[in-house]
């Protein structure tokens, strides 16, 4: 395996062109979100290399997955990864902005929507402008993302994201402005005693009781991954 390729149990991610490589956030979200075995249409917003779309295809053998990505180089990687997978007939790539996609898509057409969105707000920028585009929220502002999700998500659908813990409250408030409400949240911490760094969050159109959990990645007093983390991502990583 090289830095330009990441091999999972059932598929491979070629990522030599994409500004953002395979990372823990994407794998966590792809394994955690409710893919809905009864769901037949799934949308991945900001697909990057196609990682989450491929994880969704592996987890739900009946779903058709649409993947939206604006960066041309990432689209090239994603297209190759989709084409080389055993689920190529169930995944469609759209090389455009999310707002453009929303303008053409039918309202309430997806049962599941998932996104690993750009999340750095008012932070220092990298020298690589394409990496900035992939990482900073001005590439896809939260209000634009949520407005589109509110249009495309069916009434009984679910929308899942991974966020930095410091932006979670802001995201929840913006979601409420668009008629979306938190239903499930998992706070991700590296090890016991540390504060959460990421939040896995799921939203619905009809308010329901919020389920809150914590996921610890490393066993207490150990360098080994926790049982819970292994169970979550075990169907994907080769060495877990």
C-alpha atoms as a PDB file:
ATOM      1  CA  UNK A   1       0.000   0.000   0.000  1.00  0.00           C
ATOM      2  CA  UNK A   2       1.270   3.476  -0.866  1.00  0.00           C
ATOM      3  CA  UNK A   3       0.071   6.926   0.122  1.00  0.00           C
ATOM      4  CA  UNK A   4      -1.723   7.054  -3.231  1.00  0.00           C
ATOM      5  CA  UNK A   5      -3.759   3.949  -2.454  1.00  0.00           C
ATOM      6  CA  UNK A   6      -5.664   2.634   0.568  1.00  0.00           C
ATOM      7  CA  UNK A   7      -6.838  -0.978   0.510  1.00  0.00           C
ATOM      8  CA  UNK A   8      -9.941  -2.002   2.436  1.00  0.00           C
ATOM      9  CA  UNK A   9     -11.392  -5.499   2.778  1.00  0.00           C
ATOM     10  CA  UNK A  10     -13.786  -5.225  -0.167  1.00  0.00           C
ATOM     11  CA  UNK A  11     -12.544  -2.239  -2.165  1.00  0.00           C
ATOM     12  CA  UNK A  12      -9.546  -0.020  -2.829  1.00  0.00           C
ATOM     13  CA  UNK A  13      -9.311   3.762  -2.713  1.00  0.00           C
ATOM     14  CA  UNK A  14      -6.970   5.394  -5.223  1.00  0.00           C
ATOM     15  CA  UNK A  15      -6.302   8.898  -3.910  1.00  0.00           C
ATOM     16  CA  UNK A  16      -3.293  10.259  -5.760  1.00  0.00           C
ATOM     17  CA  UNK A  17      -5.149  13.265  -7.153  1.00  0.00           C
ATOM     18  CA  UNK A  18      -7.576  14.127  -4.349  1.00  0.00           C
ATOM     19  CA  UNK A  19      -6.719  16.987  -1.978  1.00  0.00           C
ATOM     20  CA  UNK A  20      -8.039  15.026   1.013  1.00  0.00           C
ATOM     21  CA  UNK A  21      -6.902  11.453   1.628  1.00  0.00           C
ATOM     22  CA  UNK A  22      -8.609   8.625   3.507  1.00  0.00           C
ATOM     23  CA  UNK A  23      -8.867   9.560   7.180  1.00  0.00           C
ATOM     24  CA  UNK A  24     -10.435   8.390  10.419  1.00  0.00           C
ATOM     25  CA  UNK A  25     -13.342  10.864  10.167  1.00  0.00           C
ATOM     26  CA  UNK A  26     -14.582   9.458   6.889  1.00  0.00           C
ATOM     27  CA  UNK A  27     -14.224   5.821   7.928  1.00  0.00           C
ATOM     28  CA  UNK A  28     -16.013   6.472  11.228  1.00  0.00           C
ATOM     29  CA  UNK A  29     -18.897   8.222   9.514  1.00  0.00           C
ATOM     30  CA  UNK A  30     -19.178   5.618   6.761  1.00  0.00           C
ATOM     31  CA  UNK A  31     -19.374   2.813   9.308  1.00  0.00           C
ATOM     32  CA  UNK A  32     -21.555   4.658  11.858  1.00  0.00           C
ATOM     33  CA  UNK A  33     -24.375   6.290   9.911  1.00  0.00           C
ATOM     34  CA  UNK A  34     -27.695   4.504   9.620  1.00  0.00           C
ATOM     35  CA  UNK A  35     -27.458   3.205   6.067  1.00  0.00           C
ATOM     36  CA  UNK A  36     -31.017   1.893   6.291  1.00  0.00           C
ATOM     37  CA  UNK A  37     -31.334  -1.645   4.969  1.00  0.00           C
ATOM     38  CA  UNK A  38     -34.781  -0.642   3.735  1.00  0.00           C
ATOM     39  CA  UNK A  39     -33.435   2.524   2.138  1.00  0.00           C
ATOM     40  CA  UNK A  40     -33.110   2.466  -1.630  1.00  0.00           C
ATOM     41  CA  UNK A  41     -31.621   5.907  -2.328  1.00  0.00           C
ATOM     42  CA  UNK A  42     -28.540   7.283  -0.546  1.00  0.00           C
ATOM     43  CA  UNK A  43     -26.759  10.577  -1.232  1.00  0.00           C
ATOM     44  CA  UNK A  44     -23.132  11.330  -0.325  1.00  0.00           C
ATOM     45  CA  UNK A  45     -22.435  15.089  -0.321  1.00  0.00           C
ATOM     46  CA  UNK A  46     -18.788  16.028  -0.820  1.00  0.00           C
ATOM     47  CA  UNK A  47     -17.774  12.533  -1.836  1.00  0.00           C
ATOM     48  CA  UNK A  48     -14.029  13.174  -2.187  1.00  0.00           C
ATOM     49  CA  UNK A  49     -12.397   9.904  -3.224  1.00  0.00           C
ATOM     50  CA  UNK A  50     -15.732   8.063  -2.931  1.00  0.00           C
ATOM     51  CA  UNK A  51     -14.901   6.366   0.374  1.00  0.00           C
ATOM     52  CA  UNK A  52     -18.254   6.831   2.144  1.00  0.00           C
ATOM     53  CA  UNK A  53     -20.275   6.037  -0.984  1.00  0.00           C
ATOM     54  CA  UNK A  54     -18.390   2.749  -1.331  1.00  0.00           C
ATOM     55  CA  UNK A  55     -18.877   1.936   2.348  1.00  0.00           C
ATOM     56  CA  UNK A  56     -22.603   2.593   1.922  1.00  0.00           C
ATOM     57  CA  UNK A  57     -22.721   0.299  -1.103  1.00  0.00           C
ATOM     58  CA  UNK A  58     -20.981  -2.455   0.884  1.00  0.00           C
ATOM     59  CA  UNK A  59     -23.322  -2.055   3.853  1.00  0.00           C
ATOM     60  CA  UNK A  60     -26.602  -1.816   1.911  1.00  0.00           C
ATOM     61  CA  UNK A  61     -26.760  -4.211  -1.050  1.00  0.00           C
ATOM     62  CA  UNK A  62     -30.081  -2.793  -2.327  1.00  0.00           C
ATOM     63  CA  UNK A  63     -29.369   0.937  -2.301  1.00  0.00           C
ATOM     64  CA  UNK A  64     -28.491   3.138  -5.229  1.00  0.00           C
ATOM     65  CA  UNK A  65     -25.936   5.737  -4.160  1.00  0.00           C
ATOM     66  CA  UNK A  66     -25.470   9.174  -5.684  1.00  0.00           C
ATOM     67  CA  UNK A  67     -22.202  10.969  -4.905  1.00  0.00           C
ATOM     68  CA  UNK A  68     -21.666  14.720  -5.382  1.00  0.00           C
ATOM     69  CA  UNK A  69     -18.177  16.226  -5.591  1.00  0.00           C
ATOM     70  CA  UNK A  70     -17.087  19.633  -6.885  1.00  0.00           C
ATOM     71  CA  UNK A  71     -13.294  19.161  -7.097  1.00  0.00           C
ATOM     72  CA  UNK A  72     -12.312  17.803 -10.556  1.00  0.00           C
ATOM     73  CA  UNK A  73      -9.257  15.907  -9.316  1.00  0.00           C
ATOM     74  CA  UNK A  74     -11.212  14.224  -6.529  1.00  0.00           C
ATOM     75  CA  UNK A  75     -13.885  13.347  -9.086  1.00  0.00           C
ATOM     76  CA  UNK A  76     -11.263  11.603 -11.200  1.00  0.00           C
ATOM     77  CA  UNK A  77     -10.198   9.488  -8.219  1.00  0.00           C
ATOM     78  CA  UNK A  78     -13.796   8.770  -7.200  1.00  0.00           C
ATOM     79  CA  UNK A  79     -14.805   7.767 -10.719  1.00  0.00           C
ATOM     80  CA  UNK A  80     -11.901   5.312 -10.873  1.00  0.00           C
ATOM     81  CA  UNK A  81     -12.688   3.905  -7.442  1.00  0.00           C
ATOM     82  CA  UNK A  82     -16.355   3.429  -8.292  1.00  0.00           C
ATOM     83  CA  UNK A  83     -15.530   1.865 -11.658  1.00  0.00           C
ATOM     84  CA  UNK A  84     -13.120  -0.620 -10.071  1.00  0.00           C
ATOM     85  CA  UNK A  85     -15.543  -1.698  -7.341  1.00  0.00           C
ATOM     86  CA  UNK A  86     -18.045  -4.554  -7.502  1.00  0.00           C
ATOM     87  CA  UNK A  87     -20.834  -1.992  -6.923  1.00  0.00           C
ATOM     88  CA  UNK A  88     -20.121   0.195  -9.970  1.00  0.00           C
ATOM     89  CA  UNK A  89     -23.632  -0.351 -11.318  1.00  0.00           C
ATOM     90  CA  UNK A  90     -25.184   1.127  -8.147  1.00  0.00           C
ATOM     91  CA  UNK A  91     -23.103   4.304  -7.696  1.00  0.00           C
ATOM     92  CA  UNK A  92     -23.504   7.492  -9.749  1.00  0.00           C
ATOM     93  CA  UNK A  93     -21.029  10.383  -9.567  1.00  0.00           C
ATOM     94  CA  UNK A  94     -22.091  13.996 -10.110  1.00  0.00           C
ATOM     95  CA  UNK A  95     -19.210  16.407 -10.750  1.00  0.00           C
ATOM     96  CA  UNK A  96     -20.769  19.674  -9.640  1.00  0.00           C
ATOM     97  CA  UNK A  97     -21.471  21.862  -6.624  1.00  0.00           C
ATOM     98  CA  UNK A  98     -24.108  20.747  -4.153  1.00  0.00           C
ATOM     99  CA  UNK A  99     -26.223  23.816  -4.894  1.00  0.00           C
ATOM    100  CA  UNK A 100     -26.176  22.965  -8.605  1.00  0.00           C
ATOM    101  CA  UNK A 101     -27.089  19.368  -7.833  1.00  0.00           C
ATOM    102  CA  UNK A 102     -29.981  20.496  -5.616  1.00  0.00           C
ATOM    103  CA  UNK A 103     -31.352  22.727  -8.354  1.00  0.00           C
ATOM    104  CA  UNK A 104     -31.776  19.684 -10.608  1.00  0.00           C
ATOM    105  CA  UNK A 105     -32.683  16.980  -8.082  1.00  0.00           C
ATOM    106  CA  UNK A 106     -36.217  16.021  -7.125  1.00  0.00           C
ATOM    107  CA  UNK A 107     -37.403  17.147  -3.671  1.00  0.00           C
ATOM    108  CA  UNK A 108     -37.635  14.507  -0.918  1.00  0.00           C
ATOM    109  CA  UNK A 109     -35.893  11.965  -3.114  1.00  0.00           C
ATOM    110  CA  UNK A 110     -33.391  10.437  -0.641  1.00  0.00           C
ATOM    111  CA  UNK A 111     -33.963   8.217   2.367  1.00  0.00           C
ATOM    112  CA  UNK A 112     -30.417   8.691   3.630  1.00  0.00           C
ATOM    113  CA  UNK A 113     -28.009  11.603   3.147  1.00  0.00           C
ATOM    114  CA  UNK A 114     -24.459  11.558   4.515  1.00  0.00           C
ATOM    115  CA  UNK A 115     -21.699  14.173   4.431  1.00  0.00           C
ATOM    116  CA  UNK A 116     -18.173  14.649   5.728  1.00  0.00           C
ATOM    117  CA  UNK A 117     -18.337  18.415   5.159  1.00  0.00           C
ATOM    118  CA  UNK A 118     -15.574  21.037   5.107  1.00  0.00           C
ATOM    119  CA  UNK A 119     -15.387  22.223   8.691  1.00  0.00           C
ATOM    120  CA  UNK A 120     -12.577  24.668   9.389  1.00  0.00           C
ATOM    121  CA  UNK A 121     -14.075  28.084  10.139  1.00  0.00           C
ATOM    122  CA  UNK A 122     -11.899  31.214  10.654  1.00  0.00           C
ATOM    123  CA  UNK A 123      -8.736  29.104  10.963  1.00  0.00           C
ATOM    124  CA  UNK A 124      -5.316  29.338   9.355  1.00  0.00           C
ATOM    125  CA  UNK A 125      -5.195  28.167   5.779  1.00  0.00           C
ATOM    126  CA  UNK A 126      -2.794  25.754   4.176  1.00  0.00           C
ATOM    127  CA  UNK A 127      -0.519  26.704   1.306  1.00  0.00           C
ATOM    128  CA  UNK A 128      -2.331  24.224  -0.955  1.00  0.00           C
ATOM    129  CA  UNK A 129      -5.470  26.045  -2.172  1.00  0.00           C
ATOM    130  CA  UNK A 130      -7.180  22.793  -3.196  1.00  0.00           C
ATOM    131  CA  UNK A 131      -6.679  21.443   0.328  1.00  0.00           C
ATOM    132  CA  UNK A 132      -8.172  24.690   1.637  1.00  0.00           C
ATOM    133  CA  UNK A 133     -11.182  24.152  -0.619  1.00  0.00           C
ATOM    134  CA  UNK A 134     -11.713  20.665   0.783  1.00  0.00           C
ATOM    135  CA  UNK A 135     -11.180  21.641   4.434  1.00  0.00           C
ATOM    136  CA  UNK A 136     -12.779  25.063   4.917  1.00  0.00           C
ATOM    137  CA  UNK A 137     -16.504  25.567   5.463  1.00  0.00           C
ATOM    138  CA  UNK A 138     -16.677  28.473   3.016  1.00  0.00           C
ATOM    139  CA  UNK A 139     -16.386  25.845   0.242  1.00  0.00           C
ATOM    140  CA  UNK A 140     -19.766  24.478   1.377  1.00  0.00           C
ATOM    141  CA  UNK A 141     -21.242  26.677   4.138  1.00  0.00           C
ATOM    142  CA  UNK A 142     -23.315  24.854   6.724  1.00  0.00           C
ATOM    143  CA  UNK A 143     -26.454  26.804   5.833  1.00  0.00           C
ATOM    144  CA  UNK A 144     -26.089  25.857   2.166  1.00  0.00           C
ATOM    145  CA  UNK A 145     -25.507  22.200   3.033  1.00  0.00           C
ATOM    146  CA  UNK A 146     -28.474  22.057   5.405  1.00  0.00           C
ATOM    147  CA  UNK A 147     -30.798  23.932   3.075  1.00  0.00           C
ATOM    148  CA  UNK A 148     -30.075  21.384   0.351  1.00  0.00           C
ATOM    149  CA  UNK A 149     -30.440  18.438   2.709  1.00  0.00           C
ATOM    150  CA  UNK A 150     -33.800  19.755   3.954  1.00  0.00           C
ATOM    151  CA  UNK A 151     -35.024  19.842   0.352  1.00  0.00           C
ATOM    152  CA  UNK A 152     -33.763  16.416  -0.721  1.00  0.00           C
ATOM    153  CA  UNK A 153     -34.350  14.326   2.419  1.00  0.00           C
ATOM    154  CA  UNK A 154     -37.656  12.464   2.522  1.00  0.00           C
ATOM    155  CA  UNK A 155     -39.874  13.005   5.567  1.00  0.00           C
ATOM    156  CA  UNK A 156     -38.794   9.767   7.257  1.00  0.00           C
ATOM    157  CA  UNK A 157     -35.165  10.072   6.122  1.00  0.00           C
ATOM    158  CA  UNK A 158     -31.973  10.537   8.127  1.00  0.00           C
ATOM    159  CA  UNK A 159     -29.007  12.823   7.549  1.00  0.00           C
ATOM    160  CA  UNK A 160     -25.596  12.082   9.093  1.00  0.00           C
ATOM    161  CA  UNK A 161     -22.415  14.163   9.431  1.00  0.00           C
ATOM    162  CA  UNK A 162     -19.098  14.171  11.272  1.00  0.00           C
ATOM    163  CA  UNK A 163     -18.148  17.494  12.879  1.00  0.00           C
ATOM    164  CA  UNK A 164     -15.500  19.003  15.135  1.00  0.00           C
ATOM    165  CA  UNK A 165     -16.947  19.163  18.634  1.00  0.00           C
ATOM    166  CA  UNK A 166     -16.546  22.965  18.735  1.00  0.00           C
ATOM    167  CA  UNK A 167     -18.845  23.496  15.741  1.00  0.00           C
ATOM    168  CA  UNK A 168     -21.555  21.010  16.757  1.00  0.00           C
ATOM    169  CA  UNK A 169     -23.801  23.524  18.571  1.00  0.00           C
ATOM    170  CA  UNK A 170     -23.641  25.977  15.690  1.00  0.00           C
ATOM    171  CA  UNK A 171     -24.537  23.187  13.276  1.00  0.00           C
ATOM    172  CA  UNK A 172     -27.500  22.075  15.425  1.00  0.00           C
ATOM    173  CA  UNK A 173     -28.893  25.615  15.512  1.00  0.00           C
ATOM    174  CA  UNK A 174     -28.523  26.007  11.760  1.00  0.00           C
ATOM    175  CA  UNK A 175     -30.125  22.596  11.260  1.00  0.00           C
ATOM    176  CA  UNK A 176     -33.139  23.657  13.345  1.00  0.00           C
ATOM    177  CA  UNK A 177     -33.513  26.733  11.138  1.00  0.00           C
ATOM    178  CA  UNK A 178     -33.910  24.320   8.238  1.00  0.00           C
ATOM    179  CA  UNK A 179     -36.333  21.960   9.980  1.00  0.00           C
ATOM    180  CA  UNK A 180     -33.794  19.281  10.923  1.00  0.00           C
ATOM    181  CA  UNK A 181     -33.326  18.010  14.482  1.00  0.00           C
ATOM    182  CA  UNK A 182     -30.661  15.827  16.158  1.00  0.00           C
ATOM    183  CA  UNK A 183     -31.776  12.263  16.805  1.00  0.00           C
ATOM    184  CA  UNK A 184     -28.492  10.470  17.495  1.00  0.00           C
ATOM    185  CA  UNK A 185     -25.059  11.685  18.562  1.00  0.00           C
ATOM    186  CA  UNK A 186     -21.809   9.885  19.291  1.00  0.00           C
ATOM    187  CA  UNK A 187     -18.961  11.827  20.885  1.00  0.00           C
ATOM    188  CA  UNK A 188     -15.616  10.473  19.670  1.00  0.00           C
ATOM    189  CA  UNK A 189     -12.648  10.533  22.054  1.00  0.00           C
ATOM    190  CA  UNK A 190      -9.193   9.084  21.508  1.00  0.00           C
ATOM    191  CA  UNK A 191      -8.879   7.552  24.993  1.00  0.00           C
ATOM    192  CA  UNK A 192     -10.503   7.650  28.440  1.00  0.00           C
ATOM    193  CA  UNK A 193      -9.915  10.962  30.212  1.00  0.00           C
ATOM    194  CA  UNK A 194      -9.666  12.987  27.015  1.00  0.00           C
ATOM    195  CA  UNK A 195     -12.365  15.331  25.758  1.00  0.00           C
ATOM    196  CA  UNK A 196     -14.201  14.566  22.510  1.00  0.00           C
ATOM    197  CA  UNK A 197     -12.641  15.842  19.290  1.00  0.00           C
ATOM    198  CA  UNK A 198     -15.346  14.815  16.849  1.00  0.00           C
ATOM    199  CA  UNK A 199     -19.097  14.351  16.913  1.00  0.00           C
ATOM    200  CA  UNK A 200     -20.975  11.889  14.744  1.00  0.00           C
ATOM    201  CA  UNK A 201     -24.473  13.322  14.410  1.00  0.00           C
ATOM    202  CA  UNK A 202     -27.696  12.210  12.782  1.00  0.00           C
ATOM    203  CA  UNK A 203     -30.646  14.498  12.024  1.00  0.00           C
ATOM    204  CA  UNK A 204     -34.317  13.915  11.203  1.00  0.00           C
ATOM    205  CA  UNK A 205     -37.223  16.070  10.033  1.00  0.00           C
ATOM    206  CA  UNK A 206     -39.559  15.024  12.867  1.00  0.00           C
ATOM    207  CA  UNK A 207     -38.123  15.712  16.368  1.00  0.00           C
ATOM    208  CA  UNK A 208     -37.452  12.630  18.491  1.00  0.00           C
ATOM    209  CA  UNK A 209     -35.636  11.814  21.694  1.00  0.00           C
ATOM    210  CA  UNK A 210     -31.906  12.361  21.286  1.00  0.00           C
ATOM    211  CA  UNK A 211     -29.732   9.280  21.819  1.00  0.00           C
ATOM    212  CA  UNK A 212     -26.235  10.227  23.052  1.00  0.00           C
ATOM    213  CA  UNK A 213     -23.284   7.818  23.201  1.00  0.00           C
ATOM    214  CA  UNK A 214     -19.496   7.965  23.480  1.00  0.00           C
ATOM    215  CA  UNK A 215     -17.003   6.073  21.343  1.00  0.00           C
ATOM    216  CA  UNK A 216     -13.468   5.642  22.668  1.00  0.00           C
ATOM    217  CA  UNK A 217     -10.887   4.746  20.018  1.00  0.00           C
ATOM    218  CA  UNK A 218      -8.010   3.487  22.211  1.00  0.00           C
ATOM    219  CA  UNK A 219      -8.341   1.117  25.176  1.00  0.00           C
ATOM    220  CA  UNK A 220      -7.662   2.664  28.563  1.00  0.00           C
ATOM    221  CA  UNK A 221      -3.993   2.220  29.488  1.00  0.00           C
ATOM    222  CA  UNK A 222      -3.232   0.560  26.176  1.00  0.00           C
ATOM    223  CA  UNK A 223      -2.111   1.355  22.652  1.00  0.00           C
ATOM    224  CA  UNK A 224      -4.644  -1.068  21.191  1.00  0.00           C
ATOM    225  CA  UNK A 225      -7.928  -0.050  19.590  1.00  0.00           C
ATOM    226  CA  UNK A 226     -11.025  -0.432  21.733  1.00  0.00           C
ATOM    227  CA  UNK A 227     -13.459  -3.298  21.259  1.00  0.00           C
ATOM    228  CA  UNK A 228     -16.222  -0.830  20.290  1.00  0.00           C
ATOM    229  CA  UNK A 229     -14.058   0.790  17.608  1.00  0.00           C
ATOM    230  CA  UNK A 230     -12.998  -2.586  16.210  1.00  0.00           C
ATOM    231  CA  UNK A 231     -16.610  -3.701  16.033  1.00  0.00           C
ATOM    232  CA  UNK A 232     -17.617  -0.506  14.237  1.00  0.00           C
ATOM    233  CA  UNK A 233     -14.946  -0.520  11.522  1.00  0.00           C
ATOM    234  CA  UNK A 234     -14.022  -4.211  11.474  1.00  0.00           C
ATOM    235  CA  UNK A 235     -15.839  -4.902   8.197  1.00  0.00           C
ATOM    236  CA  UNK A 236     -13.611  -2.385   6.406  1.00  0.00           C
ATOM    237  CA  UNK A 237     -10.051  -2.129   7.714  1.00  0.00           C
ATOM    238  CA  UNK A 238      -7.759  -5.004   6.736  1.00  0.00           C
ATOM    239  CA  UNK A 239      -5.793  -5.021   9.997  1.00  0.00           C
ATOM    240  CA  UNK A 240      -8.581  -4.565  12.543  1.00  0.00           C
END
